[in-house]
N, C-alpha and C. Protein backbone atom coordinates (compact mmCIF):
# COMPACT_ATOMS: atom_id res chain seq x y z
N MET A 1 119.81 71.46 75.80
CA MET A 1 120.65 72.77 76.44
C MET A 1 119.86 74.13 76.67
N THR A 2 118.62 73.76 75.94
CA THR A 2 117.32 74.69 76.72
C THR A 2 117.03 75.28 78.85
N ILE A 3 116.81 73.52 78.48
CA ILE A 3 116.37 73.69 79.98
C ILE A 3 117.35 74.23 80.78
N TRP A 4 118.63 73.29 80.70
CA TRP A 4 119.94 74.25 81.50
C TRP A 4 119.45 75.45 81.74
N ILE A 5 119.46 76.34 80.82
CA ILE A 5 119.48 77.43 80.88
C ILE A 5 118.70 77.93 81.30
N LEU A 6 117.06 77.66 81.22
CA LEU A 6 116.45 78.14 82.02
C LEU A 6 116.43 78.05 83.69
N LEU A 7 117.32 76.05 83.85
CA LEU A 7 117.06 76.71 85.06
C LEU A 7 118.20 76.94 86.01
N ILE A 8 119.67 76.90 85.24
CA ILE A 8 120.49 77.87 85.85
C ILE A 8 121.18 78.62 85.20
N ILE A 9 120.92 79.15 84.11
CA ILE A 9 121.61 80.62 84.19
C ILE A 9 120.72 81.68 84.37
N VAL A 10 119.65 81.13 83.61
CA VAL A 10 118.63 82.26 83.88
C VAL A 10 118.64 82.77 85.45
N PRO A 11 118.06 81.61 86.54
CA PRO A 11 118.44 82.09 88.08
C PRO A 11 119.01 82.88 88.14
N VAL A 12 120.81 82.39 87.94
CA VAL A 12 122.25 82.63 88.16
C VAL A 12 122.00 84.49 87.31
N LEU A 13 121.47 85.07 86.75
CA LEU A 13 121.29 86.27 85.86
C LEU A 13 120.38 87.32 86.90
N LEU A 14 119.88 86.78 87.14
CA LEU A 14 118.31 87.24 87.54
C LEU A 14 118.87 87.66 89.26
N GLY A 15 119.90 86.63 89.73
CA GLY A 15 120.58 86.87 91.05
C GLY A 15 122.32 88.48 90.84
N LEU A 16 122.18 88.41 89.65
CA LEU A 16 123.38 89.07 89.91
C LEU A 16 122.65 90.92 89.65
N TYR A 17 121.47 91.24 88.88
CA TYR A 17 120.65 91.80 88.45
C TYR A 17 120.01 92.40 90.03
N ALA A 18 119.84 91.36 90.69
CA ALA A 18 118.54 91.37 91.48
C ALA A 18 119.62 92.42 93.09
N GLN A 19 121.28 91.72 92.72
CA GLN A 19 121.83 92.16 93.65
C GLN A 19 122.83 93.42 93.21
N MET A 20 122.79 93.85 91.67
CA MET A 20 122.98 94.78 91.34
C MET A 20 121.95 96.07 92.04
N ARG A 21 120.50 95.36 91.14
CA ARG A 21 119.74 96.73 91.87
C ARG A 21 119.18 97.48 93.80
N VAL A 22 119.55 96.12 93.55
CA VAL A 22 120.08 96.75 95.67
C VAL A 22 121.21 97.40 96.13
N MET A 23 122.06 97.26 95.50
CA MET A 23 123.14 98.07 95.92
C MET A 23 122.38 99.83 95.19
N ASN A 24 122.75 99.50 93.97
CA ASN A 24 122.03 100.89 93.42
C ASN A 24 121.20 101.71 94.27
N ALA A 25 120.28 100.56 94.66
CA ALA A 25 118.75 101.33 94.92
C ALA A 25 119.83 102.12 97.19
N TYR A 26 120.09 101.11 96.94
CA TYR A 26 120.68 101.14 98.92
C TYR A 26 121.72 102.75 98.69
N ARG A 27 122.91 102.79 97.82
CA ARG A 27 123.79 103.54 97.91
C ARG A 27 123.03 105.10 97.11
N LYS A 28 121.97 104.93 96.02
CA LYS A 28 121.16 106.44 95.93
C LYS A 28 120.78 106.79 97.04
N ASN A 29 120.40 106.00 97.66
CA ASN A 29 118.73 106.55 98.83
C ASN A 29 119.71 106.45 99.88
N ALA A 30 120.92 106.47 100.18
CA ALA A 30 122.19 106.21 101.33
C ALA A 30 122.10 108.34 100.71
N GLU A 31 122.34 108.53 100.25
CA GLU A 31 123.08 109.89 100.22
C GLU A 31 121.01 110.64 100.23
N ILE A 32 120.63 110.75 100.84
CA ILE A 32 119.36 111.15 100.20
C ILE A 32 118.88 111.41 102.62
N LEU A 33 118.74 112.09 102.50
CA LEU A 33 118.93 112.40 104.21
C LEU A 33 116.67 112.73 104.33
N SER A 34 116.33 112.00 105.53
CA SER A 34 115.54 112.25 106.02
C SER A 34 115.15 113.34 106.33
N ARG A 35 114.06 114.36 106.44
CA ARG A 35 113.16 115.35 106.98
C ARG A 35 113.71 115.80 108.53
N SER A 36 113.52 114.65 109.03
CA SER A 36 113.20 114.44 110.39
C SER A 36 114.43 113.86 111.47
N GLY A 37 115.56 113.49 110.22
CA GLY A 37 117.12 113.80 110.87
C GLY A 37 117.28 112.44 111.68
N ILE A 38 115.97 112.14 112.74
CA ILE A 38 115.85 110.62 112.91
C ILE A 38 117.28 109.70 112.57
N SER A 39 117.61 108.82 113.06
CA SER A 39 118.78 107.87 113.15
C SER A 39 117.97 106.46 112.55
N GLY A 40 119.45 105.37 112.32
CA GLY A 40 118.03 104.51 112.48
C GLY A 40 117.93 103.34 113.06
N ARG A 41 118.84 103.75 114.55
CA ARG A 41 118.55 103.84 116.08
C ARG A 41 117.27 104.20 116.58
N GLU A 42 116.95 105.21 116.82
CA GLU A 42 116.10 105.82 116.70
C GLU A 42 114.60 105.74 116.14
N ALA A 43 115.13 104.93 114.95
CA ALA A 43 114.03 104.73 113.90
C ALA A 43 113.63 103.37 114.13
N ALA A 44 114.03 102.18 115.11
CA ALA A 44 114.26 101.08 115.24
C ALA A 44 113.78 101.18 116.32
N ALA A 45 114.11 102.39 117.24
CA ALA A 45 113.92 101.99 118.60
C ALA A 45 112.04 101.81 118.75
N ALA A 46 111.43 103.38 118.10
CA ALA A 46 110.79 104.16 117.57
C ALA A 46 109.63 103.09 117.21
N VAL A 47 109.64 102.02 116.44
CA VAL A 47 108.58 100.73 115.83
C VAL A 47 108.93 100.22 117.27
N MET A 48 110.02 99.75 117.50
CA MET A 48 109.85 98.45 118.69
C MET A 48 109.03 99.01 119.74
N ARG A 49 108.77 100.35 119.87
CA ARG A 49 107.86 100.63 121.26
C ARG A 49 106.79 100.75 121.21
N SER A 50 106.50 101.81 119.64
CA SER A 50 105.04 101.13 119.39
C SER A 50 104.12 100.04 119.25
N ALA A 51 105.21 98.65 119.70
CA ALA A 51 104.28 97.22 119.29
C ALA A 51 105.08 97.36 120.90
N GLY A 52 104.67 97.88 121.86
CA GLY A 52 104.95 97.22 122.95
C GLY A 52 106.52 96.24 122.67
N ILE A 53 107.36 96.73 122.58
CA ILE A 53 108.68 95.55 121.96
C ILE A 53 110.01 96.79 123.37
N HIS A 54 110.33 96.31 124.68
CA HIS A 54 111.25 97.11 125.27
C HIS A 54 112.59 95.73 125.16
N ASP A 55 112.91 94.89 125.64
CA ASP A 55 113.60 94.28 126.23
C ASP A 55 114.59 93.35 124.94
N VAL A 56 114.97 93.83 123.63
CA VAL A 56 115.80 93.95 122.53
C VAL A 56 116.43 95.12 122.10
N GLU A 57 117.93 94.27 122.28
CA GLU A 57 119.15 95.28 122.45
C GLU A 57 118.84 96.04 121.27
N ILE A 58 119.35 96.92 120.70
CA ILE A 58 119.84 97.36 120.02
C ILE A 58 121.63 97.75 119.50
N VAL A 59 121.64 96.79 118.86
CA VAL A 59 123.66 96.71 118.68
C VAL A 59 124.00 97.66 117.28
N GLU A 60 125.69 98.36 117.22
CA GLU A 60 126.10 98.95 115.87
C GLU A 60 126.84 97.11 115.03
N VAL A 61 126.91 97.21 113.97
CA VAL A 61 128.12 95.90 113.41
C VAL A 61 128.37 96.75 112.21
N ASP A 62 129.73 95.91 112.53
CA ASP A 62 130.78 95.95 110.85
C ASP A 62 129.85 95.65 110.08
N GLY A 63 130.44 95.63 108.12
CA GLY A 63 129.83 95.43 106.58
C GLY A 63 128.65 96.47 107.12
N LEU A 64 128.49 96.13 105.57
CA LEU A 64 128.09 96.29 104.50
C LEU A 64 126.31 96.01 104.83
N LEU A 65 125.45 96.10 104.91
CA LEU A 65 124.24 95.54 105.07
C LEU A 65 124.36 94.44 105.45
N SER A 66 124.94 94.20 106.92
CA SER A 66 124.81 92.99 107.35
C SER A 66 123.93 93.10 108.58
N ASP A 67 122.70 94.52 108.39
CA ASP A 67 122.12 94.09 108.90
C ASP A 67 120.48 92.86 109.87
N HIS A 68 120.18 92.47 110.52
CA HIS A 68 119.99 91.33 110.88
C HIS A 68 119.55 91.22 112.76
N TYR A 69 117.28 91.06 112.48
CA TYR A 69 117.34 90.75 113.74
C TYR A 69 117.91 89.67 114.14
N ASP A 70 118.32 89.19 115.33
CA ASP A 70 118.77 87.89 116.19
C ASP A 70 117.83 87.73 117.44
N PRO A 71 116.24 86.08 117.09
CA PRO A 71 115.25 86.57 117.77
C PRO A 71 115.41 85.74 118.86
N THR A 72 116.74 84.96 118.96
CA THR A 72 116.87 84.23 120.25
C THR A 72 118.63 84.91 121.20
N ASN A 73 118.85 85.76 120.58
CA ASN A 73 119.07 86.67 121.85
C ASN A 73 118.52 88.67 121.53
N LYS A 74 116.57 88.14 121.06
CA LYS A 74 116.80 89.26 121.30
C LYS A 74 117.42 90.55 120.92
N ARG A 75 118.27 90.29 119.78
CA ARG A 75 119.03 92.31 119.44
C ARG A 75 118.81 92.11 117.87
N LEU A 76 118.37 93.25 117.80
CA LEU A 76 118.87 93.36 116.56
C LEU A 76 119.97 94.68 115.97
N ALA A 77 120.71 93.97 114.95
CA ALA A 77 121.58 94.55 114.67
C ALA A 77 121.21 95.22 113.58
N LEU A 78 122.57 96.56 113.04
CA LEU A 78 122.66 97.69 112.08
C LEU A 78 123.95 97.87 111.92
N SER A 79 123.58 97.90 110.73
CA SER A 79 125.51 98.85 110.85
C SER A 79 125.83 99.93 110.73
N SER A 80 127.09 99.88 110.96
CA SER A 80 127.02 102.00 111.41
C SER A 80 127.00 102.68 110.38
N VAL A 81 126.42 102.58 109.04
CA VAL A 81 125.95 103.59 108.53
C VAL A 81 124.77 103.63 108.76
N ASN A 82 123.87 102.46 109.04
CA ASN A 82 122.82 102.85 109.20
C ASN A 82 122.10 102.49 110.44
N TYR A 83 122.92 102.11 111.69
CA TYR A 83 122.96 102.86 112.82
C TYR A 83 123.11 104.36 112.97
N SER A 84 123.88 104.80 112.62
CA SER A 84 123.65 106.35 112.84
C SER A 84 123.29 107.24 111.58
N GLY A 85 123.16 106.35 110.64
CA GLY A 85 122.49 107.16 109.01
C GLY A 85 121.74 108.11 109.23
N THR A 86 121.08 108.72 108.88
CA THR A 86 119.53 109.66 109.04
C THR A 86 119.53 110.00 107.42
N SER A 87 119.51 108.57 106.77
CA SER A 87 119.10 108.38 105.35
C SER A 87 118.06 108.26 104.73
N LEU A 88 116.39 107.62 103.87
CA LEU A 88 115.70 106.94 103.99
C LEU A 88 116.36 105.97 103.34
N ALA A 89 117.87 105.33 103.62
CA ALA A 89 118.29 104.06 103.30
C ALA A 89 118.03 103.12 104.51
N ALA A 90 118.87 104.42 105.14
CA ALA A 90 119.03 103.48 106.65
C ALA A 90 117.60 103.58 107.68
N LEU A 91 116.94 104.30 107.56
CA LEU A 91 115.51 104.80 107.79
C LEU A 91 114.59 103.21 107.68
N GLY A 92 114.46 102.79 105.92
CA GLY A 92 113.83 102.00 105.45
C GLY A 92 114.71 100.64 106.53
N VAL A 93 115.40 99.87 106.10
CA VAL A 93 116.35 98.61 106.76
C VAL A 93 116.38 98.76 108.12
N ALA A 94 116.66 100.00 109.28
CA ALA A 94 116.06 99.86 110.21
C ALA A 94 114.88 99.56 110.62
N ALA A 95 113.48 100.05 110.08
CA ALA A 95 112.23 99.83 110.06
C ALA A 95 112.72 98.53 110.11
N HIS A 96 112.77 98.16 108.93
CA HIS A 96 112.73 96.51 108.95
C HIS A 96 112.53 95.80 109.24
N GLU A 97 113.93 95.09 109.84
CA GLU A 97 114.66 95.22 111.05
C GLU A 97 113.57 95.07 112.13
N ALA A 98 113.38 96.64 112.68
CA ALA A 98 112.35 96.25 113.98
C ALA A 98 110.70 95.81 113.03
N GLY A 99 109.97 95.48 112.39
CA GLY A 99 109.20 94.44 111.92
C GLY A 99 109.29 93.61 111.87
N HIS A 100 110.89 92.90 111.88
CA HIS A 100 111.05 91.27 112.69
C HIS A 100 110.76 90.96 114.02
N ALA A 101 111.35 92.05 114.47
CA ALA A 101 111.29 91.91 115.97
C ALA A 101 109.94 92.07 116.45
N ILE A 102 108.95 92.55 115.81
CA ILE A 102 107.18 92.68 115.97
C ILE A 102 107.09 91.27 115.76
N GLN A 103 107.50 90.41 114.43
CA GLN A 103 107.43 89.39 114.36
C GLN A 103 106.87 87.86 115.44
N ASP A 104 107.96 89.20 115.65
CA ASP A 104 108.95 87.80 116.83
C ASP A 104 108.23 88.09 117.89
N LYS A 105 108.15 89.34 118.12
CA LYS A 105 107.04 89.90 119.74
C LYS A 105 105.67 88.82 118.77
N VAL A 106 104.99 88.81 118.29
CA VAL A 106 103.21 88.16 118.16
C VAL A 106 103.03 87.19 117.44
N GLY A 107 104.00 86.44 117.55
CA GLY A 107 104.12 85.13 117.21
C GLY A 107 103.99 85.15 115.54
N TYR A 108 105.20 86.05 114.10
CA TYR A 108 104.52 85.80 113.38
C TYR A 108 104.68 83.94 112.58
N GLY A 109 103.94 83.05 112.27
CA GLY A 109 104.37 81.52 112.14
C GLY A 109 104.71 81.76 111.56
N MET A 110 105.43 82.23 110.03
CA MET A 110 105.65 81.50 108.96
C MET A 110 107.25 81.80 109.68
N MET A 111 107.89 82.72 110.59
CA MET A 111 108.80 83.08 111.51
C MET A 111 109.14 82.41 112.29
N SER A 112 108.20 81.34 112.56
CA SER A 112 108.45 80.53 113.38
C SER A 112 109.07 79.38 113.06
N VAL A 113 108.21 79.08 111.89
CA VAL A 113 108.70 77.98 111.20
C VAL A 113 110.08 78.25 110.66
N ARG A 114 110.25 79.74 110.33
CA ARG A 114 111.75 79.44 109.68
C ARG A 114 113.27 79.18 110.38
N GLN A 115 112.73 80.03 111.51
CA GLN A 115 113.93 79.34 112.61
C GLN A 115 114.13 78.47 113.02
N ALA A 116 112.77 77.48 112.69
CA ALA A 116 113.36 76.34 113.10
C ALA A 116 113.43 75.39 111.81
N LEU A 117 113.83 76.54 111.20
CA LEU A 117 113.88 75.30 109.31
C LEU A 117 115.75 75.42 110.01
N VAL A 118 116.06 76.96 110.39
CA VAL A 118 117.66 76.98 110.36
C VAL A 118 118.75 76.31 110.72
N PRO A 119 118.24 74.80 111.97
CA PRO A 119 119.57 74.21 111.64
C PRO A 119 119.42 73.21 110.91
N VAL A 120 118.70 72.95 110.31
CA VAL A 120 119.36 72.08 109.22
C VAL A 120 119.48 72.70 108.27
N VAL A 121 119.14 73.67 107.62
CA VAL A 121 120.13 74.59 106.61
C VAL A 121 121.16 75.26 107.12
N GLN A 122 121.38 75.20 108.00
CA GLN A 122 123.19 75.13 108.44
C GLN A 122 123.88 73.62 108.07
N ILE A 123 123.24 73.17 107.57
CA ILE A 123 123.81 71.78 107.67
C ILE A 123 123.77 71.49 106.06
N ALA A 124 122.57 71.96 105.51
CA ALA A 124 121.99 71.30 104.35
C ALA A 124 123.08 72.36 103.13
N SER A 125 122.42 73.97 103.65
CA SER A 125 123.17 74.47 102.59
C SER A 125 124.26 74.08 101.72
N PRO A 126 126.28 74.05 102.84
CA PRO A 126 127.22 73.81 102.53
C PRO A 126 127.19 72.66 101.72
N ILE A 127 126.18 71.19 102.44
CA ILE A 127 125.81 70.19 101.53
C ILE A 127 125.57 70.48 100.70
N ALA A 128 124.64 71.17 100.11
CA ALA A 128 124.89 71.11 98.44
C ALA A 128 124.97 71.88 98.12
N MET A 129 126.46 72.81 98.52
CA MET A 129 127.17 73.85 97.14
C MET A 129 127.77 73.11 97.09
N VAL A 130 128.51 71.51 97.57
CA VAL A 130 130.31 70.82 97.58
C VAL A 130 129.13 70.26 96.46
N LEU A 131 127.53 69.08 96.74
CA LEU A 131 128.16 68.25 96.08
C LEU A 131 127.43 68.95 94.31
N VAL A 132 126.70 70.32 94.72
CA VAL A 132 126.09 70.45 93.27
C VAL A 132 127.49 71.35 92.39
N GLY A 133 128.46 72.05 93.12
CA GLY A 133 129.52 72.52 92.53
C GLY A 133 130.84 71.58 92.17
N PHE A 134 130.50 70.21 92.95
CA PHE A 134 131.68 69.68 92.74
C PHE A 134 132.07 68.00 92.70
N GLY A 135 131.54 67.43 93.79
CA GLY A 135 131.60 66.53 93.88
C GLY A 135 130.93 65.97 92.91
N LEU A 136 128.74 66.29 91.96
CA LEU A 136 128.09 64.98 92.16
C LEU A 136 128.07 65.44 90.48
N TYR A 137 129.11 65.89 89.76
CA TYR A 137 129.24 66.21 88.37
C TYR A 137 131.27 65.23 88.26
N LEU A 138 132.05 65.22 89.27
CA LEU A 138 132.88 63.95 89.55
C LEU A 138 132.70 62.63 89.34
N VAL A 139 131.62 61.62 89.82
CA VAL A 139 131.72 60.61 90.68
C VAL A 139 130.52 60.07 89.88
N GLY A 140 130.81 58.91 89.51
CA GLY A 140 129.75 58.33 88.36
C GLY A 140 129.08 57.08 89.38
N GLY A 141 128.65 56.43 88.68
CA GLY A 141 127.27 55.51 88.92
C GLY A 141 127.60 55.24 90.16
N ALA A 142 127.48 53.97 91.01
CA ALA A 142 126.26 54.18 92.32
C ALA A 142 127.18 55.19 93.09
N MET A 143 127.61 55.62 92.84
CA MET A 143 128.34 56.61 94.09
C MET A 143 127.57 58.16 93.59
N GLY A 144 127.91 58.34 92.27
CA GLY A 144 126.83 58.96 91.61
C GLY A 144 126.15 59.38 91.95
N GLY A 145 124.82 58.42 91.75
CA GLY A 145 123.03 58.21 92.23
C GLY A 145 123.30 58.61 93.84
N LEU A 146 123.59 57.69 94.87
CA LEU A 146 123.94 58.22 96.83
C LEU A 146 124.19 59.82 96.15
N LEU A 147 125.41 60.47 95.83
CA LEU A 147 125.53 61.83 96.00
C LEU A 147 124.13 62.70 95.24
N LEU A 148 123.98 62.09 94.29
CA LEU A 148 122.92 62.66 93.57
C LEU A 148 121.07 63.00 94.33
N LYS A 149 121.12 61.61 95.38
CA LYS A 149 119.91 62.04 96.32
C LYS A 149 120.88 63.10 97.65
N ILE A 150 121.16 62.68 97.81
CA ILE A 150 121.48 63.59 98.81
C ILE A 150 122.02 65.00 99.02
N ALA A 151 122.23 65.31 97.20
CA ALA A 151 121.95 66.92 96.92
C ALA A 151 120.60 67.18 97.07
N ILE A 152 119.56 66.42 96.13
CA ILE A 152 118.06 66.43 95.90
C ILE A 152 117.84 67.28 97.60
N GLY A 153 118.34 66.34 98.20
CA GLY A 153 117.19 66.45 100.14
C GLY A 153 117.70 67.54 100.15
N ALA A 154 119.59 67.96 100.64
CA ALA A 154 119.86 69.79 100.84
C ALA A 154 119.56 70.93 100.59
N LEU A 155 119.37 69.78 98.88
CA LEU A 155 118.94 71.11 98.39
C LEU A 155 117.25 71.44 98.37
N ALA A 156 116.95 70.65 98.74
CA ALA A 156 115.23 70.33 98.81
C ALA A 156 114.40 71.46 100.41
N ALA A 157 115.62 71.20 101.48
CA ALA A 157 116.04 71.96 102.72
C ALA A 157 115.85 73.31 102.32
N VAL A 158 116.95 73.66 101.68
CA VAL A 158 116.75 75.09 101.78
C VAL A 158 116.35 75.83 100.61
N SER A 159 115.50 74.93 99.68
CA SER A 159 114.82 75.85 98.49
C SER A 159 113.65 75.98 99.89
N LEU A 160 113.34 75.50 100.48
CA LEU A 160 112.27 75.50 101.54
C LEU A 160 112.24 76.49 102.02
N PHE A 161 113.60 76.09 103.00
CA PHE A 161 113.81 77.68 103.93
C PHE A 161 113.83 78.99 102.85
N GLN A 162 114.11 79.38 101.62
CA GLN A 162 114.03 79.95 101.06
C GLN A 162 112.42 80.73 100.77
N PHE A 163 112.05 79.51 100.34
CA PHE A 163 110.57 80.22 100.18
C PHE A 163 109.88 80.13 101.17
N ILE A 164 110.55 80.05 102.82
CA ILE A 164 109.39 80.27 103.97
C ILE A 164 110.33 81.86 103.95
N THR A 165 110.97 82.21 103.27
CA THR A 165 111.50 83.48 104.09
C THR A 165 111.07 84.31 103.19
N LEU A 166 110.31 84.14 102.43
CA LEU A 166 109.88 85.50 101.56
C LEU A 166 108.24 85.93 102.26
N PRO A 167 107.72 85.22 102.19
CA PRO A 167 106.56 86.23 103.15
C PRO A 167 106.72 87.36 104.35
N VAL A 168 107.96 86.09 105.26
CA VAL A 168 108.28 86.69 105.98
C VAL A 168 109.48 87.75 106.26
N GLU A 169 109.76 88.90 104.61
CA GLU A 169 110.53 89.93 104.68
C GLU A 169 110.01 90.62 104.33
N PHE A 170 108.97 90.02 103.04
CA PHE A 170 108.06 90.93 102.33
C PHE A 170 106.89 91.82 104.26
N ASP A 171 106.46 90.40 105.08
CA ASP A 171 105.68 90.78 105.84
C ASP A 171 106.24 92.14 106.71
N ALA A 172 108.09 91.88 107.02
CA ALA A 172 108.32 92.92 107.72
C ALA A 172 108.81 94.09 106.99
N THR A 173 108.95 93.98 105.36
CA THR A 173 108.90 95.17 104.54
C THR A 173 107.30 95.93 104.87
N ALA A 174 106.33 95.12 104.48
CA ALA A 174 105.05 96.10 104.87
C ALA A 174 105.25 96.71 106.13
N ARG A 175 105.27 95.89 107.17
CA ARG A 175 105.01 96.69 108.77
C ARG A 175 106.37 98.34 108.63
N ALA A 176 107.30 97.45 108.22
CA ALA A 176 108.38 99.06 108.11
C ALA A 176 107.94 100.23 107.12
N LYS A 177 106.95 100.33 106.16
CA LYS A 177 106.85 101.32 105.30
C LYS A 177 105.36 101.83 106.39
N ARG A 178 104.45 100.70 107.30
CA ARG A 178 102.88 101.44 107.36
C ARG A 178 104.29 102.36 108.45
N GLN A 179 104.57 101.74 109.52
CA GLN A 179 104.73 102.44 110.60
C GLN A 179 105.78 103.68 110.48
N LEU A 180 107.19 103.84 109.08
CA LEU A 180 107.59 105.20 109.33
C LEU A 180 107.04 106.22 109.13
N VAL A 181 105.77 106.20 107.80
CA VAL A 181 104.25 106.84 107.94
C VAL A 181 103.06 107.23 109.10
N ASN A 182 102.99 106.18 109.77
CA ASN A 182 102.71 106.51 110.68
C ASN A 182 102.91 107.32 112.73
N LEU A 183 104.58 106.60 112.30
CA LEU A 183 105.06 107.14 113.60
C LEU A 183 105.97 108.59 112.81
N ARG A 184 105.70 109.27 111.19
CA ARG A 184 106.10 109.82 111.57
C ARG A 184 107.62 111.00 111.34
N ILE A 185 107.84 108.91 111.03
CA ILE A 185 109.91 109.49 110.80
C ILE A 185 110.23 109.73 109.41
N VAL A 186 108.86 109.21 108.29
CA VAL A 186 109.31 110.12 107.18
C VAL A 186 108.36 110.33 106.53
N ASP A 187 108.11 111.48 106.33
CA ASP A 187 107.17 111.90 105.64
C ASP A 187 106.33 110.90 104.35
N GLN A 188 105.33 111.48 104.24
CA GLN A 188 104.61 110.13 102.58
C GLN A 188 105.23 111.01 101.16
N ASP A 189 105.40 112.03 101.54
CA ASP A 189 106.42 112.14 99.82
C ASP A 189 107.48 111.27 100.08
N GLU A 190 108.91 111.24 100.66
CA GLU A 190 109.95 110.62 100.42
C GLU A 190 110.07 109.00 100.34
N MET A 191 108.50 108.71 101.06
CA MET A 191 108.83 107.10 101.32
C MET A 191 109.19 106.11 99.63
N PRO A 192 108.68 107.16 98.47
CA PRO A 192 109.36 106.00 96.84
C PRO A 192 111.06 106.09 97.52
N GLY A 193 111.69 107.00 97.92
CA GLY A 193 113.39 106.43 98.39
C GLY A 193 112.94 105.16 99.34
N VAL A 194 112.16 105.55 100.21
CA VAL A 194 112.23 103.41 100.65
C VAL A 194 111.93 102.78 100.47
N ASN A 195 110.91 102.99 99.26
CA ASN A 195 110.30 101.97 98.08
C ASN A 195 111.37 101.06 98.24
N GLU A 196 111.74 101.84 97.47
CA GLU A 196 112.88 101.61 96.66
C GLU A 196 113.69 101.18 97.50
N THR A 197 114.68 101.28 98.38
CA THR A 197 114.88 100.54 98.38
C THR A 197 115.20 99.24 99.22
N LEU A 198 113.77 99.43 100.13
CA LEU A 198 113.27 97.67 100.71
C LEU A 198 112.41 97.01 99.31
N ASP A 199 112.30 97.54 98.47
CA ASP A 199 111.87 96.73 97.10
C ASP A 199 113.09 96.05 96.56
N ALA A 200 114.43 96.56 96.40
CA ALA A 200 115.51 95.90 95.53
C ALA A 200 115.25 94.70 96.66
N ALA A 201 115.93 95.11 98.14
CA ALA A 201 116.74 94.41 99.02
C ALA A 201 115.46 92.94 99.14
N ALA A 202 113.71 93.08 98.63
CA ALA A 202 113.09 91.70 98.53
C ALA A 202 112.90 91.04 97.54
N LEU A 203 113.81 91.99 96.27
CA LEU A 203 114.00 91.11 94.80
C LEU A 203 115.51 90.42 95.25
N THR A 204 116.31 89.80 95.91
CA THR A 204 117.18 89.27 96.67
C THR A 204 116.85 88.20 96.89
N TYR A 205 116.02 88.10 97.96
CA TYR A 205 115.35 86.89 98.45
C TYR A 205 114.50 86.23 97.42
N VAL A 206 113.84 86.61 96.62
CA VAL A 206 113.03 85.89 95.27
C VAL A 206 113.95 85.29 94.10
N ALA A 207 115.36 86.19 94.29
CA ALA A 207 116.55 85.83 93.22
C ALA A 207 116.97 83.83 93.61
N ALA A 208 117.22 84.22 95.28
CA ALA A 208 117.52 83.33 95.90
C ALA A 208 117.09 81.93 95.65
N PHE A 209 115.97 82.63 96.35
CA PHE A 209 114.49 81.03 95.90
C PHE A 209 114.53 81.19 94.57
N VAL A 210 114.60 81.41 93.37
CA VAL A 210 113.98 80.86 91.77
C VAL A 210 116.10 80.29 92.05
N SER A 211 117.05 80.49 92.03
CA SER A 211 118.01 80.03 91.89
C SER A 211 117.72 78.51 92.42
N SER A 212 118.42 78.47 93.68
CA SER A 212 118.25 76.79 94.29
C SER A 212 116.48 76.46 94.05
N LEU A 213 115.62 76.89 93.87
CA LEU A 213 114.59 75.85 93.36
C LEU A 213 115.29 75.34 91.35
N GLY A 214 115.71 76.30 90.62
CA GLY A 214 115.98 75.53 89.24
C GLY A 214 116.83 75.01 90.02
N GLN A 215 117.78 74.90 90.24
CA GLN A 215 118.92 73.68 90.80
C GLN A 215 118.73 72.38 90.82
N LEU A 216 117.50 72.26 92.22
CA LEU A 216 116.68 71.25 92.84
C LEU A 216 115.87 70.28 90.96
N LEU A 217 114.99 71.46 90.43
CA LEU A 217 114.60 70.72 89.76
C LEU A 217 115.21 70.20 88.31
N HIS A 218 116.98 70.52 88.24
CA HIS A 218 117.76 70.36 87.15
C HIS A 218 118.35 68.73 87.67
N LEU A 219 118.25 68.82 89.21
CA LEU A 219 118.73 67.28 89.68
C LEU A 219 117.55 66.61 90.11
N LEU A 220 116.26 66.75 89.98
CA LEU A 220 115.39 66.04 89.96
C LEU A 220 115.15 65.27 88.62
N MET A 221 115.54 66.25 87.69
CA MET A 221 115.43 66.11 86.23
C MET A 221 116.53 64.93 86.54
N MET A 222 117.82 64.91 86.94
CA MET A 222 118.72 63.94 86.17
C MET A 222 118.62 62.40 87.26
N LEU A 223 117.82 62.98 88.08
CA LEU A 223 117.20 61.55 88.71
C LEU A 223 116.64 60.57 88.43
N GLY A 224 115.63 61.93 87.67
CA GLY A 224 114.23 60.52 86.27
C GLY A 224 114.66 60.70 85.53
N GLY A 225 116.60 60.71 85.14
CA GLY A 225 116.70 59.81 84.09
C GLY A 225 117.38 60.48 82.72
N GLY A 226 117.68 61.77 83.63
CA GLY A 226 117.88 62.88 82.53
C GLY A 226 119.61 63.01 82.23
N ARG A 227 119.96 63.43 81.01
CA ARG A 227 120.76 63.95 80.71
C ARG A 227 121.60 65.17 81.74
N ARG A 228 122.58 65.14 82.24
CA ARG A 228 122.90 65.81 83.32
C ARG A 228 123.39 66.87 82.10
N ASP A 229 123.69 66.72 80.73
CA ASP A 229 123.49 68.53 80.65
C ASP A 229 122.59 68.95 80.21
N ASP A 230 121.18 68.17 80.03
CA ASP A 230 120.39 68.52 79.52
C ASP A 230 120.01 70.02 80.07
């Protein structure tokens, strides 16, 4: 029971804490307007322009924290509040996504590896979710053993993807922080708000990796003969 708590319950609690922290940090710093008055779209454009990137489209999308960079279509998507917002949170998120565009331009190795794994994870993730959540614990005997091995393979792929995601996200954040100051989009004394927002977001990626790794280790213990409720 102790091992089950460490591998399953603790990661779940970490994930809940990470989500709460990122939302609190974002909402707090979304209310603090930058002195420059530059919008998220303008900040992203400036960061990319400074890196010689002129072929990435910046678009506005619906949703809260739905911001992302699409390397396949050379598109940087910012949620409405970050697209037109001038808050410290908006500038941090926009610059972070621009950091991914820079990674794409310079051929950042870990980003290339992550992109190569995307098709695999798109298949593995729902399989792992279904088996771990339902089928694996309902089917015994030979079929249960087969499902266990399939679940382990799927979770291993997801865990690898999330592990590789960590340096990609950390690097994009570092690039964002550096460029915001270098380009004078944000003053140095405004950076604590940016740091709080981006560091909280980074914790969500750590929590996701810890959660999938905990589930994977639990399944490996089951495969090795451990009880399902250990």
